[in-house]
Amino acid sequence: MIDARATLERAAGIARGTTMIPPAADQPLWTVAVDIGGLDATGHRGLESDDYPLHLVGAAGLRPGDALLRGAGEAVERFALRPPAGPGQTFEAGQTVEAGQAEGRPLPFADPRVALGSPAADPTALRWMTGRDLVSGEPVAVPTALVDYPAADTASLRWFDPTPSGTAAGAGAEMALRNALHEIVERDAVMVAWAAQLRLERVELAGLVNATTTRPAAVRELGRLARVADELGLSVSFGAIPTALRGVECVVAVLVDRGSRRPLAAVGSRASTCRADAALGAFRETFQVREVLRGVCGWYPDERENPENPEHRGGRGPGDDLTASLPPVSCDLDRARLWTTPEAVDAVERWTESFLEGQRGRVPRESSDATAASVAELVEDLAQDGGRPTVVDLTDRLPAPIRAMGWHAVKVIPVGLHALRMDERHEFTWLRGRIDDAPDRLAVPGGVPDRTIHPFPHPLI
């Protein structure tokens, strides 16, 4: 049986240490931060010991038990992504092997319809592991650089863009896989919506709070977070993004805090069969991201706060180029620092101002019981939307005490969907066809001239 506290005990083999942070006057959530060795040589993510501690993993929740369970799941997921200490030996699910030894056809990562790796990558220089095409059930050879996070081979960073997205843990293989499928759909939805600047349906929180729903607890918690945001003077907007999954839509929440040390914008998202649940998950995530961004503000000085600095400015006008002189974004820390700038706040506010009242995009196919749609049904929906999700089982990477509790971990490679981009310097990770056809495919108007890609880096941290 899954036990969150036991999962985070040092003896279980995942956590070096765990901290529970209670709510504060300006932060309504309980937060769990877990050290799984993110600054070790095998867990390094480009961070140094004097950087803001983004190497810690964890989660936040409205109650301590909720935060603890979410934090335990996040720790299990991230631990499973860490590459094994040594090279793979015999071929097994979750183990690495030399090129040419992996079973199944190689995943076509450089195909522009996939856009998961560089055409310049040398397949013979890569390490591979087994995956399974969820549509056909056939084995697929997957480069480890699309699974491991951080990448075991730093040289592969020029060919791939390692990301934790698409990884999920759960009490059993089916739960983990369902969670991972929802996550790749959510990431695809937000990446495409931002790149195409889709003019989303505006979701009114008051309407959700006052509506009759089968999720009364979600509605109550939404009302509570809304009151906190109002008391703190925070601006919050919600937009709905259609998805291909039956009965599922993605809600994106945008929280703008102009009263912080520096203006900042925190964005969260969640895909769910219940709009109230999706809005609550996205709203909760914005508070979690806001806390990280506030920490980044305090950790790193901004020279533009000095009025004598020629870069000092308080905002941009409608005709200004928001991307002028922006520093490169190659990792989460770069992105977090960017999203504590006036340029970022201006960029996201222009997007939310474009959201439309009563705008409704493509309606997903109904299920006889959407909340109980099987994994097979979800895969069928993704296949009809052009997806060929490939799963890699990472459960064998977990310590024996964790597996004994019933934890499973998987990574789903979003073949045919847009992956989360970590390093904005890589042009090969743009799934341009999916962005170009988004307005027609989703029946939502776009906001970028000539269906080009919005140049400002996305806000997901």
Protein backbone atom coordinates (compact mmCIF):
# COMPACT_ATOMS: atom_id res chain seq x y z
CA MET A 1 0.00 0.00 0.00
CA ILE A 2 1.24 3.48 -0.89
CA ASP A 3 2.44 5.33 2.23
CA ALA A 4 3.57 8.89 1.52
CA ARG A 5 5.46 9.31 4.79
CA ALA A 6 7.25 5.98 4.41
CA THR A 7 8.06 6.85 0.79
CA LEU A 8 9.96 9.93 1.95
CA GLU A 9 11.83 8.23 4.78
CA ARG A 10 15.56 8.06 4.14
CA ALA A 11 15.57 4.27 4.53
CA ALA A 12 13.26 3.91 1.51
CA GLY A 13 16.13 4.99 -0.71
CA ILE A 14 14.76 8.10 -2.47
CA ALA A 15 14.83 11.10 -0.14
CA ARG A 16 17.96 12.52 1.47
CA GLY A 17 15.76 14.91 3.40
CA THR A 18 12.23 16.29 3.42
CA THR A 19 10.90 19.66 4.57
CA MET A 20 7.25 20.49 5.21
CA ILE A 21 6.56 24.22 4.94
CA PRO A 22 3.25 25.40 6.43
CA PRO A 23 1.09 28.11 4.84
CA ALA A 24 1.91 31.75 5.45
CA ALA A 25 -0.13 34.93 5.25
CA ASP A 26 0.82 35.38 1.60
CA GLN A 27 1.01 31.69 0.62
CA PRO A 28 -2.11 29.57 1.27
CA LEU A 29 -0.55 26.18 0.49
CA TRP A 30 1.36 23.57 2.41
CA THR A 31 4.59 22.79 0.58
CA VAL A 32 6.78 19.69 0.65
CA ALA A 33 10.38 20.00 -0.59
CA VAL A 34 12.44 16.85 -1.09
CA ASP A 35 16.15 16.43 -1.74
CA ILE A 36 16.72 13.39 -3.97
CA GLY A 37 20.35 14.29 -4.69
CA GLY A 38 19.81 16.82 -7.43
CA LEU A 39 23.28 18.31 -7.00
CA ASP A 40 25.06 14.94 -7.22
CA ALA A 41 27.09 14.17 -10.32
CA THR A 42 24.34 11.77 -11.49
CA GLY A 43 21.55 14.18 -10.70
CA HIS A 44 23.03 17.47 -11.83
CA ARG A 45 20.72 19.79 -13.79
CA GLY A 46 23.14 22.59 -14.58
CA LEU A 47 22.71 24.02 -11.08
CA GLU A 48 25.41 24.98 -8.62
CA SER A 49 25.27 24.85 -4.83
CA ASP A 50 24.91 28.63 -4.66
CA ASP A 51 22.00 28.73 -7.12
CA TYR A 52 18.39 29.03 -6.04
CA PRO A 53 17.46 25.46 -4.89
CA LEU A 54 15.50 24.34 -7.93
CA HIS A 55 17.26 20.99 -7.48
CA LEU A 56 14.70 20.22 -4.77
CA VAL A 57 11.54 18.48 -5.93
CA GLY A 58 8.14 18.47 -4.30
CA ALA A 59 4.62 19.76 -4.47
CA ALA A 60 2.07 21.93 -2.73
CA GLY A 61 -1.43 21.26 -1.46
CA LEU A 62 -4.24 22.85 0.46
CA ARG A 63 -3.82 20.32 3.27
CA PRO A 64 -0.65 18.76 4.70
CA GLY A 65 -1.68 15.22 3.72
CA ASP A 66 -2.42 16.36 0.17
CA ALA A 67 0.96 18.11 -0.11
CA LEU A 68 2.75 15.08 1.34
CA LEU A 69 1.19 12.65 -1.13
CA ARG A 70 1.84 14.93 -4.09
CA GLY A 71 5.40 15.53 -2.93
CA ALA A 72 6.02 11.80 -2.55
CA GLY A 73 4.72 11.13 -6.04
CA GLU A 74 6.89 13.88 -7.50
CA ALA A 75 9.95 12.49 -5.69
CA VAL A 76 9.29 8.99 -7.04
CA GLU A 77 8.86 10.33 -10.59
CA ARG A 78 12.04 12.39 -10.53
CA PHE A 79 14.06 9.59 -8.94
CA ALA A 80 12.95 7.20 -11.68
CA LEU A 81 14.26 9.61 -14.32
CA ARG A 82 17.78 9.57 -12.98
CA PRO A 83 19.98 7.34 -15.14
CA PRO A 84 21.46 4.21 -13.58
CA ALA A 85 24.92 4.58 -12.12
CA GLY A 86 26.56 2.30 -14.70
CA PRO A 87 26.05 1.31 -18.34
CA GLY A 88 23.21 -1.03 -19.20
CA GLN A 89 23.98 -4.71 -19.53
CA THR A 90 21.42 -7.15 -20.89
CA PHE A 91 18.32 -5.72 -22.51
CA GLU A 92 15.42 -5.28 -20.12
CA ALA A 93 12.66 -2.68 -19.88
CA GLY A 94 14.10 0.43 -18.29
CA GLN A 95 17.77 -0.52 -18.89
CA THR A 96 20.12 1.11 -21.39
CA VAL A 97 21.91 -0.82 -24.13
CA GLU A 98 24.38 -0.08 -26.88
CA ALA A 99 23.17 1.14 -30.26
CA GLY A 100 21.91 -1.72 -32.41
CA GLN A 101 21.03 -3.95 -29.45
CA ALA A 102 17.69 -2.44 -28.53
CA GLU A 103 14.60 -4.33 -29.60
CA GLY A 104 12.16 -2.69 -32.01
CA ARG A 105 12.31 0.03 -34.62
CA PRO A 106 14.21 3.19 -33.64
CA LEU A 107 11.98 6.08 -32.65
CA PRO A 108 12.11 8.64 -35.52
CA PHE A 109 13.02 11.52 -33.21
CA ALA A 110 14.33 13.79 -35.99
CA ASP A 111 11.25 13.51 -38.21
CA PRO A 112 9.70 17.02 -38.38
CA ARG A 113 6.34 15.39 -37.55
CA VAL A 114 7.92 14.24 -34.28
CA ALA A 115 10.44 17.02 -33.50
CA LEU A 116 12.05 15.39 -30.47
CA GLY A 117 15.69 15.49 -31.55
CA SER A 118 18.15 17.01 -33.97
CA PRO A 119 18.65 15.65 -37.49
CA ALA A 120 22.38 16.04 -36.77
CA ALA A 121 22.30 13.35 -34.06
CA ASP A 122 24.46 10.29 -34.74
CA PRO A 123 22.36 7.19 -33.89
CA THR A 124 25.50 5.08 -33.42
CA ALA A 125 26.73 7.45 -30.71
CA LEU A 126 23.52 7.18 -28.69
CA ARG A 127 22.44 4.81 -25.94
CA TRP A 128 18.99 3.27 -26.20
CA MET A 129 16.34 1.65 -24.05
CA THR A 130 13.14 -0.21 -24.77
CA GLY A 131 9.78 1.43 -25.12
CA ARG A 132 6.38 0.36 -26.36
CA ASP A 133 4.21 2.07 -28.94
CA LEU A 134 0.88 2.37 -27.14
CA VAL A 135 -1.07 2.43 -30.40
CA SER A 136 0.39 -0.71 -32.01
CA GLY A 137 1.81 -2.40 -28.92
CA GLU A 138 5.11 -2.93 -30.74
CA PRO A 139 8.51 -2.40 -29.11
CA VAL A 140 10.36 0.81 -29.96
CA ALA A 141 14.02 1.65 -29.39
CA VAL A 142 14.11 5.00 -27.55
CA PRO A 143 17.23 7.16 -27.06
CA THR A 144 17.97 7.43 -23.35
CA ALA A 145 18.33 11.20 -23.81
CA LEU A 146 14.53 11.32 -24.29
CA VAL A 147 14.03 9.53 -20.97
CA ASP A 148 16.80 10.41 -18.51
CA TYR A 149 16.54 13.66 -16.64
CA PRO A 150 19.05 15.03 -16.34
CA ALA A 151 20.77 13.47 -19.34
CA ALA A 152 23.51 11.01 -18.42
CA ASP A 153 25.52 12.06 -21.46
CA THR A 154 25.90 15.84 -21.44
CA ALA A 155 27.19 15.71 -25.04
CA SER A 156 23.69 14.68 -26.14
CA LEU A 157 22.35 18.05 -24.99
CA ARG A 158 23.21 19.44 -28.41
CA TRP A 159 20.95 16.83 -30.02
CA PHE A 160 18.08 16.55 -27.52
CA ASP A 161 16.18 18.65 -25.00
CA PRO A 162 15.84 16.51 -21.83
CA THR A 163 12.68 17.18 -19.82
CA PRO A 164 10.85 15.55 -16.90
CA SER A 165 7.53 16.08 -18.68
CA GLY A 166 5.52 12.95 -19.42
CA THR A 167 6.78 11.11 -16.35
CA ALA A 168 4.28 9.91 -13.79
CA ALA A 169 4.12 7.67 -10.75
CA GLY A 170 1.12 5.92 -9.32
CA ALA A 171 -0.25 3.05 -7.31
CA GLY A 172 -0.03 0.56 -10.15
CA ALA A 173 0.98 0.64 -13.79
CA GLU A 174 -2.42 1.77 -15.11
CA MET A 175 -2.65 4.76 -12.76
CA ALA A 176 0.90 5.86 -13.61
CA LEU A 177 0.24 5.54 -17.35
CA ARG A 178 -3.08 7.42 -17.17
CA ASN A 179 -1.40 10.25 -15.25
CA ALA A 180 1.42 10.42 -17.80
CA LEU A 181 -1.00 10.54 -20.74
CA HIS A 182 -2.91 13.41 -19.14
CA GLU A 183 0.36 15.25 -18.59
CA ILE A 184 1.59 14.99 -22.19
CA VAL A 185 -1.82 16.20 -23.37
CA GLU A 186 -1.68 19.13 -20.94
CA ARG A 187 1.84 20.10 -21.99
CA ASP A 188 0.94 19.84 -25.68
CA ALA A 189 -2.14 22.00 -25.13
CA VAL A 190 -0.26 24.81 -23.38
CA MET A 191 2.79 24.73 -25.65
CA VAL A 192 0.63 25.00 -28.76
CA ALA A 193 -1.77 27.56 -27.27
CA TRP A 194 1.12 29.81 -26.25
CA ALA A 195 3.09 29.43 -29.49
CA ALA A 196 -0.03 30.14 -31.59
CA GLN A 197 -1.36 32.70 -29.07
CA LEU A 198 -4.76 31.03 -29.28
CA ARG A 199 -7.64 33.25 -28.19
CA LEU A 200 -9.02 30.84 -25.62
CA GLU A 201 -12.42 30.63 -24.03
CA ARG A 202 -12.25 32.71 -20.87
CA VAL A 203 -13.24 30.65 -17.82
CA GLU A 204 -15.02 32.74 -15.21
CA LEU A 205 -14.20 31.56 -11.73
CA ALA A 206 -17.44 32.92 -10.33
CA GLY A 207 -19.37 30.73 -12.74
CA LEU A 208 -17.51 27.63 -11.58
CA VAL A 209 -17.94 28.43 -7.92
CA ASN A 210 -21.67 28.99 -8.29
CA ALA A 211 -22.35 26.10 -10.66
CA THR A 212 -23.75 22.74 -9.66
CA THR A 213 -20.98 20.16 -9.91
CA THR A 214 -20.12 16.63 -8.94
CA ARG A 215 -16.92 18.01 -7.37
CA PRO A 216 -18.16 20.19 -4.49
CA ALA A 217 -14.80 19.95 -2.71
CA ALA A 218 -13.04 21.40 -5.75
CA VAL A 219 -15.52 24.26 -5.87
CA ARG A 220 -14.98 25.06 -2.19
CA GLU A 221 -11.21 25.08 -2.63
CA LEU A 222 -11.49 27.28 -5.71
CA GLY A 223 -13.47 29.80 -3.70
CA ARG A 224 -10.88 29.73 -0.94
CA LEU A 225 -7.95 30.37 -3.30
CA ALA A 226 -9.91 33.10 -5.07
CA ARG A 227 -10.45 34.90 -1.75
CA VAL A 228 -6.74 34.66 -0.92
CA ALA A 229 -5.77 36.00 -4.34
CA ASP A 230 -8.19 38.89 -3.95
CA GLU A 231 -6.86 39.73 -0.47
CA LEU A 232 -3.29 39.73 -1.80
CA GLY A 233 -4.17 41.91 -4.78
CA LEU A 234 -3.27 39.23 -7.31
CA SER A 235 -4.75 39.20 -10.79
CA VAL A 236 -5.86 35.75 -12.00
CA SER A 237 -7.17 34.70 -15.42
CA PHE A 238 -8.30 31.29 -16.67
CA GLY A 239 -8.55 29.93 -20.19
CA ALA A 240 -9.85 26.60 -21.54
CA ILE A 241 -7.90 24.66 -24.17
CA PRO A 242 -9.69 21.84 -26.02
CA THR A 243 -7.95 18.45 -26.11
CA ALA A 244 -8.39 15.25 -28.08
CA LEU A 245 -9.19 13.14 -25.02
CA ARG A 246 -12.85 12.30 -24.59
CA GLY A 247 -14.43 14.47 -21.93
CA VAL A 248 -11.09 16.15 -21.09
CA GLU A 249 -10.08 19.77 -21.42
CA CYS A 250 -7.07 21.68 -20.20
CA VAL A 251 -7.45 24.79 -18.08
CA VAL A 252 -4.57 27.24 -17.92
CA ALA A 253 -4.37 29.71 -15.01
CA VAL A 254 -2.32 32.91 -15.13
CA LEU A 255 -1.52 34.70 -11.87
CA VAL A 256 0.08 38.14 -12.07
CA ASP A 257 1.68 39.62 -8.96
CA ARG A 258 2.67 43.26 -9.41
CA GLY A 259 3.04 43.80 -5.67
CA SER A 260 6.00 41.44 -5.29
CA ARG A 261 9.60 42.61 -5.11
CA ARG A 262 9.53 42.53 -8.90
CA PRO A 263 6.49 42.04 -11.14
CA LEU A 264 6.05 38.35 -11.87
CA ALA A 265 3.70 36.02 -13.68
CA ALA A 266 3.04 32.42 -12.59
CA VAL A 267 1.27 30.01 -14.94
CA GLY A 268 -0.26 26.65 -14.10
CA SER A 269 -2.30 24.12 -16.06
CA ARG A 270 -4.25 20.93 -15.55
CA ALA A 271 -6.13 18.53 -17.80
CA SER A 272 -9.21 16.90 -16.31
CA THR A 273 -12.66 15.56 -17.10
CA CYS A 274 -14.06 18.16 -14.66
CA ARG A 275 -13.56 21.86 -15.40
CA ALA A 276 -13.64 22.74 -11.70
CA ASP A 277 -10.95 20.13 -10.97
CA ALA A 278 -8.85 21.39 -13.87
CA ALA A 279 -9.18 25.01 -12.73
CA LEU A 280 -8.31 24.08 -9.13
CA GLY A 281 -5.20 22.16 -10.18
CA ALA A 282 -4.05 25.01 -12.41
CA PHE A 283 -4.82 27.64 -9.74
CA ARG A 284 -2.95 25.67 -7.07
CA GLU A 285 0.04 25.38 -9.38
CA THR A 286 0.18 29.14 -9.92
CA PHE A 287 0.58 29.69 -6.16
CA GLN A 288 3.32 27.06 -6.10
CA VAL A 289 5.16 28.68 -9.04
CA ARG A 290 4.63 32.16 -7.57
CA GLU A 291 6.48 31.07 -4.43
CA VAL A 292 9.41 29.85 -6.53
CA LEU A 293 9.49 33.09 -8.51
CA ARG A 294 9.40 35.18 -5.33
CA GLY A 295 12.34 33.16 -4.05
CA VAL A 296 14.21 33.76 -7.30
CA CYS A 297 13.53 37.50 -6.99
CA GLY A 298 15.13 37.54 -3.57
CA TRP A 299 18.03 35.31 -4.58
CA TYR A 300 19.15 37.18 -7.69
CA PRO A 301 19.37 40.98 -7.83
CA ASP A 302 18.02 42.77 -10.88
CA GLU A 303 20.21 45.64 -11.97
CA ARG A 304 17.23 47.23 -13.68
CA GLU A 305 15.77 47.96 -10.23
CA ASN A 306 18.43 50.70 -10.01
CA PRO A 307 16.83 53.89 -11.41
CA GLU A 308 20.27 55.04 -12.61
CA ASN A 309 20.69 51.96 -14.77
CA PRO A 310 19.83 52.73 -18.43
CA GLU A 311 17.93 49.41 -18.57
CA HIS A 312 15.55 50.54 -15.81
CA ARG A 313 11.97 50.67 -17.04
CA GLY A 314 8.55 50.00 -15.64
CA GLY A 315 6.83 48.35 -18.58
CA ARG A 316 6.39 48.30 -22.34
CA GLY A 317 4.09 49.97 -24.77
CA PRO A 318 1.76 48.14 -27.19
CA GLY A 319 4.17 48.47 -30.10
CA ASP A 320 7.35 47.45 -28.30
CA ASP A 321 9.27 44.26 -29.08
CA LEU A 322 8.93 42.13 -25.95
CA THR A 323 11.80 39.84 -26.99
CA ALA A 324 14.41 42.54 -27.51
CA SER A 325 17.60 41.92 -25.50
CA LEU A 326 16.17 38.96 -23.58
CA PRO A 327 18.77 36.59 -22.11
CA PRO A 328 18.83 33.02 -23.51
CA VAL A 329 16.61 30.46 -21.80
CA SER A 330 18.23 27.04 -21.58
CA CYS A 331 16.83 25.64 -18.31
CA ASP A 332 14.20 26.12 -15.62
CA LEU A 333 16.35 28.60 -13.70
CA ASP A 334 16.74 30.83 -16.77
CA ARG A 335 12.98 30.63 -17.35
CA ALA A 336 12.17 31.43 -13.73
CA ARG A 337 14.38 34.50 -13.83
CA LEU A 338 12.77 35.61 -17.10
CA TRP A 339 9.28 35.35 -15.63
CA THR A 340 10.17 37.86 -12.92
CA THR A 341 10.57 40.64 -15.49
CA PRO A 342 8.18 43.34 -16.73
CA GLU A 343 8.56 41.98 -20.28
CA ALA A 344 7.19 38.60 -19.23
CA VAL A 345 4.26 40.10 -17.35
CA ASP A 346 3.42 42.27 -20.36
CA ALA A 347 3.62 39.27 -22.70
CA VAL A 348 1.26 37.09 -20.69
CA GLU A 349 -1.20 39.90 -20.01
CA ARG A 350 -1.50 40.57 -23.72
CA TRP A 351 -2.39 36.91 -24.14
CA THR A 352 -5.02 36.80 -21.39
CA GLU A 353 -6.56 40.04 -22.65
CA SER A 354 -7.27 38.21 -25.91
CA PHE A 355 -9.35 35.49 -24.21
CA LEU A 356 -12.95 35.53 -25.40
CA GLU A 357 -16.17 35.40 -23.42
CA GLY A 358 -18.24 32.39 -24.38
CA GLN A 359 -15.70 31.21 -26.96
CA ARG A 360 -15.90 27.43 -27.23
CA GLY A 361 -13.43 25.40 -29.23
CA ARG A 362 -13.63 21.82 -30.40
CA VAL A 363 -15.79 19.75 -28.09
CA PRO A 364 -14.13 16.43 -27.21
CA ARG A 365 -15.97 13.19 -27.92
CA GLU A 366 -18.16 12.10 -25.08
CA SER A 367 -17.54 8.91 -23.15
CA SER A 368 -20.21 6.82 -21.46
CA ASP A 369 -18.34 7.64 -18.28
CA ALA A 370 -15.63 10.20 -19.01
CA THR A 371 -14.12 9.94 -15.55
CA ALA A 372 -13.55 6.22 -16.09
CA ALA A 373 -12.23 6.30 -19.68
CA SER A 374 -9.77 3.46 -20.02
CA VAL A 375 -6.13 3.87 -21.02
CA ALA A 376 -7.03 2.15 -24.30
CA GLU A 377 -9.70 4.78 -24.99
CA LEU A 378 -7.27 7.60 -24.21
CA VAL A 379 -4.70 6.11 -26.57
CA GLU A 380 -7.37 5.73 -29.26
CA ASP A 381 -8.25 9.41 -28.92
CA LEU A 382 -4.59 10.43 -29.16
CA ALA A 383 -4.09 8.26 -32.23
CA GLN A 384 -7.01 9.99 -33.96
CA ASP A 385 -5.32 13.30 -33.12
CA GLY A 386 -2.04 12.23 -34.75
CA GLY A 387 -0.31 10.93 -31.63
CA ARG A 388 1.77 7.76 -31.29
CA PRO A 389 2.65 7.89 -27.57
CA THR A 390 5.48 5.58 -26.58
CA VAL A 391 5.87 4.42 -22.98
CA VAL A 392 9.03 3.37 -21.14
CA ASP A 393 8.54 1.53 -17.85
CA LEU A 394 10.91 2.92 -15.21
CA THR A 395 9.62 0.95 -12.24
CA ASP A 396 12.78 -1.20 -12.10
CA ARG A 397 14.81 1.93 -11.37
CA LEU A 398 12.98 2.45 -8.08
CA PRO A 399 14.44 1.14 -4.81
CA ALA A 400 12.99 -2.19 -3.62
CA PRO A 401 11.10 -0.66 -0.61
CA ILE A 402 9.37 1.79 -2.98
CA ARG A 403 8.36 -0.96 -5.40
CA ALA A 404 7.13 -3.08 -2.51
CA MET A 405 4.66 -0.33 -1.56
CA GLY A 406 3.09 -0.58 -5.01
CA TRP A 407 4.68 2.43 -6.69
CA HIS A 408 5.09 2.29 -10.48
CA ALA A 409 6.79 4.91 -12.66
CA VAL A 410 6.62 5.44 -16.42
CA LYS A 411 7.79 7.95 -18.97
CA VAL A 412 5.61 8.62 -22.01
CA ILE A 413 7.37 10.07 -25.05
CA PRO A 414 4.82 12.41 -26.74
CA VAL A 415 5.35 11.25 -30.31
CA GLY A 416 3.07 13.34 -32.53
CA LEU A 417 2.27 15.82 -29.73
CA HIS A 418 4.24 18.93 -28.85
CA ALA A 419 6.79 18.29 -26.14
CA LEU A 420 7.61 20.71 -23.36
CA ARG A 421 10.58 22.83 -24.47
CA MET A 422 13.29 23.41 -21.87
CA ASP A 423 16.08 24.92 -24.00
CA GLU A 424 14.76 27.73 -26.19
CA ARG A 425 17.97 27.69 -28.25
CA HIS A 426 16.93 24.45 -29.96
CA GLU A 427 14.95 25.03 -33.14
CA PHE A 428 14.48 21.31 -33.84
CA THR A 429 11.97 20.88 -30.98
CA TRP A 430 9.31 23.05 -32.60
CA LEU A 431 6.46 20.86 -33.88
CA ARG A 432 5.57 23.50 -36.43
CA GLY A 433 2.81 21.63 -38.23
CA ARG A 434 0.85 21.15 -34.99
CA ILE A 435 1.19 24.83 -34.15
CA ASP A 436 0.24 25.95 -37.67
CA ASP A 437 -2.97 23.91 -37.80
CA ALA A 438 -4.03 24.58 -34.19
CA PRO A 439 -6.66 27.26 -34.95
CA ASP A 440 -8.43 24.96 -37.43
CA ARG A 441 -7.87 21.72 -35.51
CA LEU A 442 -9.12 23.15 -32.22
CA ALA A 443 -11.67 25.59 -33.67
CA VAL A 444 -10.06 28.41 -31.69
CA PRO A 445 -8.82 31.61 -33.37
CA GLY A 446 -5.08 32.23 -33.33
CA GLY A 447 -3.35 35.47 -32.42
CA VAL A 448 0.00 35.35 -34.26
CA PRO A 449 0.20 36.99 -37.71
CA ASP A 450 0.50 34.52 -40.60
CA ARG A 451 0.45 31.64 -38.12
CA THR A 452 4.07 32.15 -37.16
CA ILE A 453 5.41 31.13 -33.74
CA HIS A 454 5.13 33.60 -30.89
CA PRO A 455 8.75 34.56 -30.12
CA PHE A 456 8.46 35.00 -26.35
CA PRO A 457 9.58 31.92 -24.30
CA HIS A 458 6.71 29.96 -22.79
CA PRO A 459 5.87 30.34 -19.06
CA LEU A 460 5.76 26.71 -17.84
CA ILE A 461 8.31 26.16 -15.06
